[in-house]
């Protein structure tokens, strides 16, 4: 899996790479330490993408929203408990 993740980092966009790394973490296919080692082997241009990977993503849609918040520099907290909700949510403080 490490070599596959490295190939994704080299060949794909930051969104695809962030989603792939997040999925590997979320589903227990890799650890944060192993992912750190993969990024250490990656080209310099993608090393900052390590901050995009999160083990808390429950869906591809959540991953894309989270990555777009990061890209737009919108502060958020991931997996916030909302009373009465069955699932945790992303909370963002956006001003319009």
PDB file of N, CA and C in Angstrom:
ATOM      1  N   UNK A   1       0.822  -1.191   0.000  1.00  0.00           N
ATOM      2  CA  UNK A   1       0.000   0.000   0.000  1.00  0.00           C
ATOM      3  C   UNK A   1       0.868   1.258   0.000  1.00  0.00           C
ATOM      4  N   UNK A   2       1.996   1.210   0.687  1.00  0.00           N
ATOM      5  CA  UNK A   2       2.858   2.389   0.752  1.00  0.00           C
ATOM      6  C   UNK A   2       3.285   2.852  -0.635  1.00  0.00           C
ATOM      7  N   UNK A   3       3.664   1.904  -1.481  1.00  0.00           N
ATOM      8  CA  UNK A   3       4.079   2.271  -2.845  1.00  0.00           C
ATOM      9  C   UNK A   3       2.905   2.810  -3.660  1.00  0.00           C
ATOM     10  N   UNK A   4       1.709   2.269  -3.435  1.00  0.00           N
ATOM     11  CA  UNK A   4       0.527   2.767  -4.138  1.00  0.00           C
ATOM     12  C   UNK A   4       0.205   4.197  -3.708  1.00  0.00           C
ATOM     13  N   UNK A   5       0.289   4.478  -2.410  1.00  0.00           N
ATOM     14  CA  UNK A   5       0.053   5.838  -1.932  1.00  0.00           C
ATOM     15  C   UNK A   5       1.098   6.798  -2.479  1.00  0.00           C
ATOM     16  N   UNK A   6       2.340   6.354  -2.544  1.00  0.00           N
ATOM     17  CA  UNK A   6       3.391   7.190  -3.113  1.00  0.00           C
ATOM     18  C   UNK A   6       3.090   7.493  -4.581  1.00  0.00           C
ATOM     19  N   UNK A   7       2.624   6.503  -5.324  1.00  0.00           N
ATOM     20  CA  UNK A   7       2.272   6.723  -6.736  1.00  0.00           C
ATOM     21  C   UNK A   7       1.138   7.732  -6.859  1.00  0.00           C
ATOM     22  N   UNK A   8       0.167   7.658  -5.968  1.00  0.00           N
ATOM     23  CA  UNK A   8      -0.935   8.627  -5.986  1.00  0.00           C
ATOM     24  C   UNK A   8      -0.390  10.028  -5.712  1.00  0.00           C
ATOM     25  N   UNK A   9       0.511  10.151  -4.775  1.00  0.00           N
ATOM     26  CA  UNK A   9       1.107  11.461  -4.469  1.00  0.00           C
ATOM     27  C   UNK A   9       1.849  12.033  -5.666  1.00  0.00           C
ATOM     28  N   UNK A  10       2.521  11.187  -6.396  1.00  0.00           N
ATOM     29  CA  UNK A  10       3.320  11.632  -7.543  1.00  0.00           C
ATOM     30  C   UNK A  10       2.440  11.974  -8.744  1.00  0.00           C
ATOM     31  N   UNK A  11       1.387  11.196  -8.955  1.00  0.00           N
ATOM     32  CA  UNK A  11       0.626  11.288 -10.199  1.00  0.00           C
ATOM     33  C   UNK A  11      -0.685  12.066 -10.124  1.00  0.00           C
ATOM     34  N   UNK A  12      -1.265  12.224  -8.936  1.00  0.00           N
ATOM     35  CA  UNK A  12      -2.612  12.780  -8.835  1.00  0.00           C
ATOM     36  C   UNK A  12      -2.622  14.189  -8.243  1.00  0.00           C
ATOM     37  N   UNK A  13      -3.802  14.777  -8.226  1.00  0.00           N
ATOM     38  CA  UNK A  13      -3.999  16.106  -7.647  1.00  0.00           C
ATOM     39  C   UNK A  13      -3.983  16.014  -6.129  1.00  0.00           C
ATOM     40  N   UNK A  14      -3.891  17.164  -5.479  1.00  0.00           N
ATOM     41  CA  UNK A  14      -3.897  17.157  -4.017  1.00  0.00           C
ATOM     42  C   UNK A  14      -5.229  16.640  -3.478  1.00  0.00           C
ATOM     43  N   UNK A  15      -6.352  16.903  -4.158  1.00  0.00           N
ATOM     44  CA  UNK A  15      -7.641  16.384  -3.695  1.00  0.00           C
ATOM     45  C   UNK A  15      -7.683  14.865  -3.743  1.00  0.00           C
ATOM     46  N   UNK A  16      -7.244  14.286  -4.838  1.00  0.00           N
ATOM     47  CA  UNK A  16      -7.244  12.826  -4.968  1.00  0.00           C
ATOM     48  C   UNK A  16      -6.270  12.213  -3.965  1.00  0.00           C
ATOM     49  N   UNK A  17      -5.091  12.798  -3.843  1.00  0.00           N
ATOM     50  CA  UNK A  17      -4.097  12.277  -2.909  1.00  0.00           C
ATOM     51  C   UNK A  17      -4.583  12.408  -1.463  1.00  0.00           C
ATOM     52  N   UNK A  18      -5.163  13.558  -1.129  1.00  0.00           N
ATOM     53  CA  UNK A  18      -5.678  13.749   0.225  1.00  0.00           C
ATOM     54  C   UNK A  18      -6.789  12.771   0.548  1.00  0.00           C
ATOM     55  N   UNK A  19      -7.682  12.544  -0.411  1.00  0.00           N
ATOM     56  CA  UNK A  19      -8.776  11.604  -0.205  1.00  0.00           C
ATOM     57  C   UNK A  19      -8.256  10.173  -0.070  1.00  0.00           C
ATOM     58  N   UNK A  20      -7.296   9.802  -0.890  1.00  0.00           N
ATOM     59  CA  UNK A  20      -6.740   8.453  -0.824  1.00  0.00           C
ATOM     60  C   UNK A  20      -6.017   8.186   0.486  1.00  0.00           C
ATOM     61  N   UNK A  21      -5.227   9.145   0.916  1.00  0.00           N
ATOM     62  CA  UNK A  21      -4.499   8.992   2.187  1.00  0.00           C
ATOM     63  C   UNK A  21      -5.473   8.971   3.356  1.00  0.00           C
ATOM     64  N   UNK A  22      -6.497   9.810   3.296  1.00  0.00           N
ATOM     65  CA  UNK A  22      -7.512   9.823   4.353  1.00  0.00           C
ATOM     66  C   UNK A  22      -8.242   8.489   4.433  1.00  0.00           C
ATOM     67  N   UNK A  23      -8.610   7.947   3.283  1.00  0.00           N
ATOM     68  CA  UNK A  23      -9.311   6.662   3.260  1.00  0.00           C
ATOM     69  C   UNK A  23      -8.441   5.548   3.843  1.00  0.00           C
ATOM     70  N   UNK A  24      -7.167   5.549   3.504  1.00  0.00           N
ATOM     71  CA  UNK A  24      -6.255   4.527   4.042  1.00  0.00           C
ATOM     72  C   UNK A  24      -6.155   4.632   5.567  1.00  0.00           C
ATOM     73  N   UNK A  25      -6.112   5.860   6.069  1.00  0.00           N
ATOM     74  CA  UNK A  25      -6.082   6.057   7.525  1.00  0.00           C
ATOM     75  C   UNK A  25      -7.411   5.653   8.156  1.00  0.00           C
ATOM     76  N   UNK A  26      -8.506   6.108   7.595  1.00  0.00           N
ATOM     77  CA  UNK A  26      -9.844   5.882   8.156  1.00  0.00           C
ATOM     78  C   UNK A  26     -10.173   4.408   8.267  1.00  0.00           C
ATOM     79  N   UNK A  27      -9.768   3.645   7.265  1.00  0.00           N
ATOM     80  CA  UNK A  27     -10.110   2.222   7.231  1.00  0.00           C
ATOM     81  C   UNK A  27      -9.020   1.330   7.816  1.00  0.00           C
ATOM     82  N   UNK A  28      -8.048   1.950   8.478  1.00  0.00           N
ATOM     83  CA  UNK A  28      -7.017   1.180   9.178  1.00  0.00           C
ATOM     84  C   UNK A  28      -6.039   0.457   8.276  1.00  0.00           C
ATOM     85  N   UNK A  29      -5.915   0.906   7.040  1.00  0.00           N
ATOM     86  CA  UNK A  29      -4.992   0.260   6.093  1.00  0.00           C
ATOM     87  C   UNK A  29      -3.567   0.752   6.267  1.00  0.00           C
ATOM     88  N   UNK A  30      -3.411   1.894   6.938  1.00  0.00           N
ATOM     89  CA  UNK A  30      -2.084   2.428   7.237  1.00  0.00           C
ATOM     90  C   UNK A  30      -2.170   3.176   8.558  1.00  0.00           C
ATOM     91  N   UNK A  31      -1.034   3.568   9.064  1.00  0.00           N
ATOM     92  CA  UNK A  31      -0.966   4.343  10.299  1.00  0.00           C
ATOM     93  C   UNK A  31      -0.394   5.719   9.980  1.00  0.00           C
ATOM     94  N   UNK A  32      -0.516   6.627  10.920  1.00  0.00           N
ATOM     95  CA  UNK A  32       0.052   7.961  10.727  1.00  0.00           C
ATOM     96  C   UNK A  32       1.567   7.877  10.526  1.00  0.00           C
ATOM     97  N   UNK A  33       2.217   6.992  11.264  1.00  0.00           N
ATOM     98  CA  UNK A  33       3.673   6.843  11.128  1.00  0.00           C
ATOM     99  C   UNK A  33       4.052   6.307   9.752  1.00  0.00           C
ATOM    100  N   UNK A  34       3.322   5.321   9.256  1.00  0.00           N
ATOM    101  CA  UNK A  34       3.608   4.794   7.910  1.00  0.00           C
ATOM    102  C   UNK A  34       3.347   5.845   6.852  1.00  0.00           C
ATOM    103  N   UNK A  35       2.271   6.612   7.030  1.00  0.00           N
ATOM    104  CA  UNK A  35       1.968   7.668   6.069  1.00  0.00           C
ATOM    105  C   UNK A  35       3.054   8.745   6.103  1.00  0.00           C
ATOM    106  N   UNK A  36       3.549   9.064   7.278  1.00  0.00           N
ATOM    107  CA  UNK A  36       4.675  10.002   7.387  1.00  0.00           C
ATOM    108  C   UNK A  36       5.883   9.491   6.589  1.00  0.00           C
ATOM    109  N   UNK A  37       6.139   8.194   6.665  1.00  0.00           N
ATOM    110  CA  UNK A  37       7.264   7.606   5.927  1.00  0.00           C
ATOM    111  C   UNK A  37       7.038   7.683   4.420  1.00  0.00           C
ATOM    112  N   UNK A  38       5.807   7.498   3.977  1.00  0.00           N
ATOM    113  CA  UNK A  38       5.490   7.630   2.554  1.00  0.00           C
ATOM    114  C   UNK A  38       5.762   9.061   2.104  1.00  0.00           C
ATOM    115  N   UNK A  39       5.301  10.034   2.869  1.00  0.00           N
ATOM    116  CA  UNK A  39       5.518  11.435   2.512  1.00  0.00           C
ATOM    117  C   UNK A  39       7.003  11.799   2.546  1.00  0.00           C
ATOM    118  N   UNK A  40       7.764  11.155   3.388  1.00  0.00           N
ATOM    119  CA  UNK A  40       9.212  11.412   3.429  1.00  0.00           C
ATOM    120  C   UNK A  40       9.877  10.973   2.125  1.00  0.00           C
ATOM    121  N   UNK A  41       9.295   9.998   1.442  1.00  0.00           N
ATOM    122  CA  UNK A  41       9.817   9.518   0.151  1.00  0.00           C
ATOM    123  C   UNK A  41       9.250  10.296  -1.035  1.00  0.00           C
ATOM    124  N   UNK A  42       8.241  11.103  -0.790  1.00  0.00           N
ATOM    125  CA  UNK A  42       7.537  11.811  -1.866  1.00  0.00           C
ATOM    126  C   UNK A  42       8.337  13.027  -2.331  1.00  0.00           C
ATOM    127  N   UNK A  43       8.041  13.501  -3.532  1.00  0.00           N
ATOM    128  CA  UNK A  43       8.707  14.712  -4.028  1.00  0.00           C
ATOM    129  C   UNK A  43       8.401  15.911  -3.113  1.00  0.00           C
ATOM    130  N   UNK A  44       9.327  16.831  -3.062  1.00  0.00           N
ATOM    131  CA  UNK A  44       9.170  18.023  -2.219  1.00  0.00           C
ATOM    132  C   UNK A  44       7.867  18.758  -2.491  1.00  0.00           C
ATOM    133  N   UNK A  45       7.436  18.801  -3.749  1.00  0.00           N
ATOM    134  CA  UNK A  45       6.256  19.576  -4.122  1.00  0.00           C
ATOM    135  C   UNK A  45       4.970  19.075  -3.473  1.00  0.00           C
ATOM    136  N   UNK A  46       4.938  17.835  -2.970  1.00  0.00           N
ATOM    137  CA  UNK A  46       3.719  17.290  -2.370  1.00  0.00           C
ATOM    138  C   UNK A  46       3.831  17.056  -0.857  1.00  0.00           C
ATOM    139  N   UNK A  47       4.966  17.325  -0.277  1.00  0.00           N
ATOM    140  CA  UNK A  47       5.144  16.999   1.155  1.00  0.00           C
ATOM    141  C   UNK A  47       4.179  17.757   2.057  1.00  0.00           C
ATOM    142  N   UNK A  48       3.803  18.956   1.670  1.00  0.00           N
ATOM    143  CA  UNK A  48       2.860  19.737   2.471  1.00  0.00           C
ATOM    144  C   UNK A  48       1.462  19.120   2.455  1.00  0.00           C
ATOM    145  N   UNK A  49       1.195  18.236   1.520  1.00  0.00           N
ATOM    146  CA  UNK A  49      -0.113  17.595   1.427  1.00  0.00           C
ATOM    147  C   UNK A  49      -0.377  16.664   2.607  1.00  0.00           C
ATOM    148  N   UNK A  50       0.640  16.331   3.384  1.00  0.00           N
ATOM    149  CA  UNK A  50       0.447  15.427   4.531  1.00  0.00           C
ATOM    150  C   UNK A  50      -0.623  15.974   5.465  1.00  0.00           C
ATOM    151  N   UNK A  51      -0.692  17.287   5.570  1.00  0.00           N
ATOM    152  CA  UNK A  51      -1.680  17.915   6.461  1.00  0.00           C
ATOM    153  C   UNK A  51      -3.113  17.698   5.973  1.00  0.00           C
ATOM    154  N   UNK A  52      -3.278  17.242   4.747  1.00  0.00           N
ATOM    155  CA  UNK A  52      -4.607  17.024   4.177  1.00  0.00           C
ATOM    156  C   UNK A  52      -5.223  15.693   4.590  1.00  0.00           C
ATOM    157  N   UNK A  53      -4.408  14.765   5.047  1.00  0.00           N
ATOM    158  CA  UNK A  53      -4.908  13.425   5.383  1.00  0.00           C
ATOM    159  C   UNK A  53      -5.518  13.420   6.782  1.00  0.00           C
ATOM    160  N   UNK A  54      -6.727  12.840   6.890  1.00  0.00           N
ATOM    161  CA  UNK A  54      -7.428  12.768   8.173  1.00  0.00           C
ATOM    162  C   UNK A  54      -8.107  11.414   8.319  1.00  0.00           C
ATOM    163  N   UNK A  55      -7.942  10.805   9.466  1.00  0.00           N
ATOM    164  CA  UNK A  55      -8.596   9.531   9.746  1.00  0.00           C
ATOM    165  C   UNK A  55     -10.060   9.722  10.133  1.00  0.00           C
ATOM    166  N   UNK A  56     -10.524  10.958  10.222  1.00  0.00           N
ATOM    167  CA  UNK A  56     -11.892  11.234  10.656  1.00  0.00           C
ATOM    168  C   UNK A  56     -12.892  11.321   9.513  1.00  0.00           C
ATOM    169  N   UNK A  57     -12.450  11.325   8.274  1.00  0.00           N
ATOM    170  CA  UNK A  57     -13.372  11.432   7.137  1.00  0.00           C
ATOM    171  C   UNK A  57     -14.256  10.191   7.052  1.00  0.00           C
ATOM    172  N   UNK A  58     -15.579  10.414   7.038  1.00  0.00           N
ATOM    173  CA  UNK A  58     -16.520   9.300   6.931  1.00  0.00           C
ATOM    174  C   UNK A  58     -17.013   9.075   5.514  1.00  0.00           C
ATOM    175  N   UNK A  59     -16.774  10.029   4.626  1.00  0.00           N
ATOM    176  CA  UNK A  59     -17.269   9.878   3.259  1.00  0.00           C
ATOM    177  C   UNK A  59     -16.402  10.701   2.318  1.00  0.00           C
ATOM    178  N   UNK A  60     -16.519  10.369   1.028  1.00  0.00           N
ATOM    179  CA  UNK A  60     -15.771  11.123   0.021  1.00  0.00           C
ATOM    180  C   UNK A  60     -16.224  12.580   0.007  1.00  0.00           C
ATOM    181  N   UNK A  61     -17.531  12.802   0.156  1.00  0.00           N
ATOM    182  CA  UNK A  61     -18.064  14.171   0.175  1.00  0.00           C
ATOM    183  C   UNK A  61     -17.505  14.973   1.331  1.00  0.00           C
ATOM    184  N   UNK A  62     -17.435  14.345   2.497  1.00  0.00           N
ATOM    185  CA  UNK A  62     -16.859  15.030   3.662  1.00  0.00           C
ATOM    186  C   UNK A  62     -15.396  15.379   3.413  1.00  0.00           C
ATOM    187  N   UNK A  63     -14.681  14.455   2.795  1.00  0.00           N
ATOM    188  CA  UNK A  63     -13.275  14.713   2.481  1.00  0.00           C
ATOM    189  C   UNK A  63     -13.142  15.929   1.566  1.00  0.00           C
ATOM    190  N   UNK A  64     -13.938  15.967   0.513  1.00  0.00           N
ATOM    191  CA  UNK A  64     -13.836  17.088  -0.433  1.00  0.00           C
ATOM    192  C   UNK A  64     -14.202  18.423   0.215  1.00  0.00           C
ATOM    193  N   UNK A  65     -15.231  18.427   1.050  1.00  0.00           N
ATOM    194  CA  UNK A  65     -15.593  19.667   1.748  1.00  0.00           C
ATOM    195  C   UNK A  65     -14.451  20.095   2.651  1.00  0.00           C
ATOM    196  N   UNK A  66     -13.896  19.157   3.404  1.00  0.00           N
ATOM    197  CA  UNK A  66     -12.784  19.474   4.311  1.00  0.00           C
ATOM    198  C   UNK A  66     -11.584  20.021   3.539  1.00  0.00           C
ATOM    199  N   UNK A  67     -11.250  19.392   2.427  1.00  0.00           N
ATOM    200  CA  UNK A  67     -10.110  19.847   1.635  1.00  0.00           C
ATOM    201  C   UNK A  67     -10.355  21.233   1.052  1.00  0.00           C
ATOM    202  N   UNK A  68     -11.574  21.504   0.662  1.00  0.00           N
ATOM    203  CA  UNK A  68     -11.894  22.839   0.120  1.00  0.00           C
ATOM    204  C   UNK A  68     -11.873  23.895   1.215  1.00  0.00           C
ATOM    205  N   UNK A  69     -12.306  23.549   2.419  1.00  0.00           N
ATOM    206  CA  UNK A  69     -12.178  24.483   3.539  1.00  0.00           C
ATOM    207  C   UNK A  69     -10.712  24.807   3.796  1.00  0.00           C
ATOM    208  N   UNK A  70      -9.870  23.784   3.783  1.00  0.00           N
ATOM    209  CA  UNK A  70      -8.437  23.998   4.002  1.00  0.00           C
ATOM    210  C   UNK A  70      -7.883  24.908   2.913  1.00  0.00           C
ATOM    211  N   UNK A  71      -8.223  24.614   1.666  1.00  0.00           N
ATOM    212  CA  UNK A  71      -7.732  25.397   0.535  1.00  0.00           C
ATOM    213  C   UNK A  71      -8.180  26.857   0.613  1.00  0.00           C
ATOM    214  N   UNK A  72      -9.402  27.080   1.087  1.00  0.00           N
ATOM    215  CA  UNK A  72      -9.944  28.437   1.177  1.00  0.00           C
ATOM    216  C   UNK A  72      -9.581  29.112   2.501  1.00  0.00           C
ATOM    217  N   UNK A  73      -8.825  28.409   3.343  1.00  0.00           N
ATOM    218  CA  UNK A  73      -8.406  28.931   4.644  1.00  0.00           C
ATOM    219  C   UNK A  73      -9.617  29.275   5.523  1.00  0.00           C
ATOM    220  N   UNK A  74     -10.630  28.416   5.466  1.00  0.00           N
ATOM    221  CA  UNK A  74     -11.822  28.571   6.296  1.00  0.00           C
ATOM    222  C   UNK A  74     -11.642  27.703   7.544  1.00  0.00           C
ATOM    223  N   UNK A  75     -11.670  28.299   8.716  1.00  0.00           N
ATOM    224  CA  UNK A  75     -11.503  27.510   9.938  1.00  0.00           C
ATOM    225  C   UNK A  75     -12.667  26.540  10.134  1.00  0.00           C
ATOM    226  N   UNK A  76     -12.385  25.357  10.618  1.00  0.00           N
ATOM    227  CA  UNK A  76     -13.428  24.373  10.881  1.00  0.00           C
ATOM    228  C   UNK A  76     -12.933  23.378  11.916  1.00  0.00           C
ATOM    229  N   UNK A  77     -13.886  22.677  12.502  1.00  0.00           N
ATOM    230  CA  UNK A  77     -13.587  21.546  13.373  1.00  0.00           C
ATOM    231  C   UNK A  77     -14.282  20.339  12.777  1.00  0.00           C
ATOM    232  N   UNK A  78     -13.555  19.268  12.654  1.00  0.00           N
ATOM    233  CA  UNK A  78     -14.102  18.067  12.043  1.00  0.00           C
ATOM    234  C   UNK A  78     -14.694  17.152  13.114  1.00  0.00           C
ATOM    235  N   UNK A  79     -15.806  16.522  12.787  1.00  0.00           N
ATOM    236  CA  UNK A  79     -16.471  15.551  13.648  1.00  0.00           C
ATOM    237  C   UNK A  79     -16.916  16.170  14.970  1.00  0.00           C
ATOM    238  N   UNK A  80     -17.684  17.216  14.865  1.00  0.00           N
ATOM    239  CA  UNK A  80     -18.246  17.892  16.030  1.00  0.00           C
ATOM    240  C   UNK A  80     -19.588  17.237  16.366  1.00  0.00           C
ATOM    241  N   UNK A  81     -19.816  16.928  17.629  1.00  0.00           N
ATOM    242  CA  UNK A  81     -21.085  16.333  18.039  1.00  0.00           C
ATOM    243  C   UNK A  81     -22.174  17.396  18.018  1.00  0.00           C
ATOM    244  N   UNK A  82     -23.262  17.086  17.355  1.00  0.00           N
ATOM    245  CA  UNK A  82     -24.422  17.973  17.297  1.00  0.00           C
ATOM    246  C   UNK A  82     -25.542  17.290  18.075  1.00  0.00           C
ATOM    247  N   UNK A  83     -25.999  17.887  19.175  1.00  0.00           N
ATOM    248  CA  UNK A  83     -27.058  17.252  19.967  1.00  0.00           C
ATOM    249  C   UNK A  83     -28.274  16.919  19.103  1.00  0.00           C
ATOM    250  N   UNK A  84     -28.754  15.700  19.249  1.00  0.00           N
ATOM    251  CA  UNK A  84     -29.909  15.250  18.488  1.00  0.00           C
ATOM    252  C   UNK A  84     -29.572  14.642  17.138  1.00  0.00           C
ATOM    253  N   UNK A  85     -28.348  14.816  16.683  1.00  0.00           N
ATOM    254  CA  UNK A  85     -27.936  14.242  15.393  1.00  0.00           C
ATOM    255  C   UNK A  85     -27.368  12.854  15.621  1.00  0.00           C
ATOM    256  N   UNK A  86     -27.575  11.979  14.661  1.00  0.00           N
ATOM    257  CA  UNK A  86     -27.043  10.621  14.770  1.00  0.00           C
ATOM    258  C   UNK A  86     -25.561  10.557  14.445  1.00  0.00           C
ATOM    259  N   UNK A  87     -25.086  11.503  13.652  1.00  0.00           N
ATOM    260  CA  UNK A  87     -23.684  11.491  13.218  1.00  0.00           C
ATOM    261  C   UNK A  87     -23.040  12.817  13.565  1.00  0.00           C
ATOM    262  N   UNK A  88     -21.742  12.783  13.656  1.00  0.00           N
ATOM    263  CA  UNK A  88     -21.002  14.022  13.881  1.00  0.00           C
ATOM    264  C   UNK A  88     -20.939  14.807  12.585  1.00  0.00           C
ATOM    265  N   UNK A  89     -20.671  16.075  12.695  1.00  0.00           N
ATOM    266  CA  UNK A  89     -20.679  16.962  11.546  1.00  0.00           C
ATOM    267  C   UNK A  89     -19.396  17.770  11.473  1.00  0.00           C
ATOM    268  N   UNK A  90     -19.156  18.379  10.307  1.00  0.00           N
ATOM    269  CA  UNK A  90     -18.108  19.384  10.181  1.00  0.00           C
ATOM    270  C   UNK A  90     -18.745  20.704  10.585  1.00  0.00           C
ATOM    271  N   UNK A  91     -18.067  21.448  11.422  1.00  0.00           N
ATOM    272  CA  UNK A  91     -18.553  22.764  11.825  1.00  0.00           C
ATOM    273  C   UNK A  91     -17.609  23.806  11.266  1.00  0.00           C
ATOM    274  N   UNK A  92     -18.157  24.805  10.631  1.00  0.00           N
ATOM    275  CA  UNK A  92     -17.352  25.892  10.078  1.00  0.00           C
ATOM    276  C   UNK A  92     -17.952  27.225  10.480  1.00  0.00           C
ATOM    277  N   UNK A  93     -17.092  28.181  10.641  1.00  0.00           N
ATOM    278  CA  UNK A  93     -17.549  29.544  10.933  1.00  0.00           C
ATOM    279  C   UNK A  93     -17.233  30.395   9.699  1.00  0.00           C
ATOM    280  N   UNK A  94     -18.192  30.462   8.798  1.00  0.00           N
ATOM    281  CA  UNK A  94     -18.036  31.241   7.574  1.00  0.00           C
ATOM    282  C   UNK A  94     -18.793  32.545   7.715  1.00  0.00           C
ATOM    283  N   UNK A  95     -18.180  33.620   7.321  1.00  0.00           N
ATOM    284  CA  UNK A  95     -18.900  34.896   7.312  1.00  0.00           C
ATOM    285  C   UNK A  95     -19.276  35.228   5.880  1.00  0.00           C
ATOM    286  N   UNK A  96     -20.473  35.743   5.697  1.00  0.00           N
ATOM    287  CA  UNK A  96     -20.918  36.086   4.355  1.00  0.00           C
ATOM    288  C   UNK A  96     -21.175  37.571   4.248  1.00  0.00           C
TER     289      UNK A  96
END
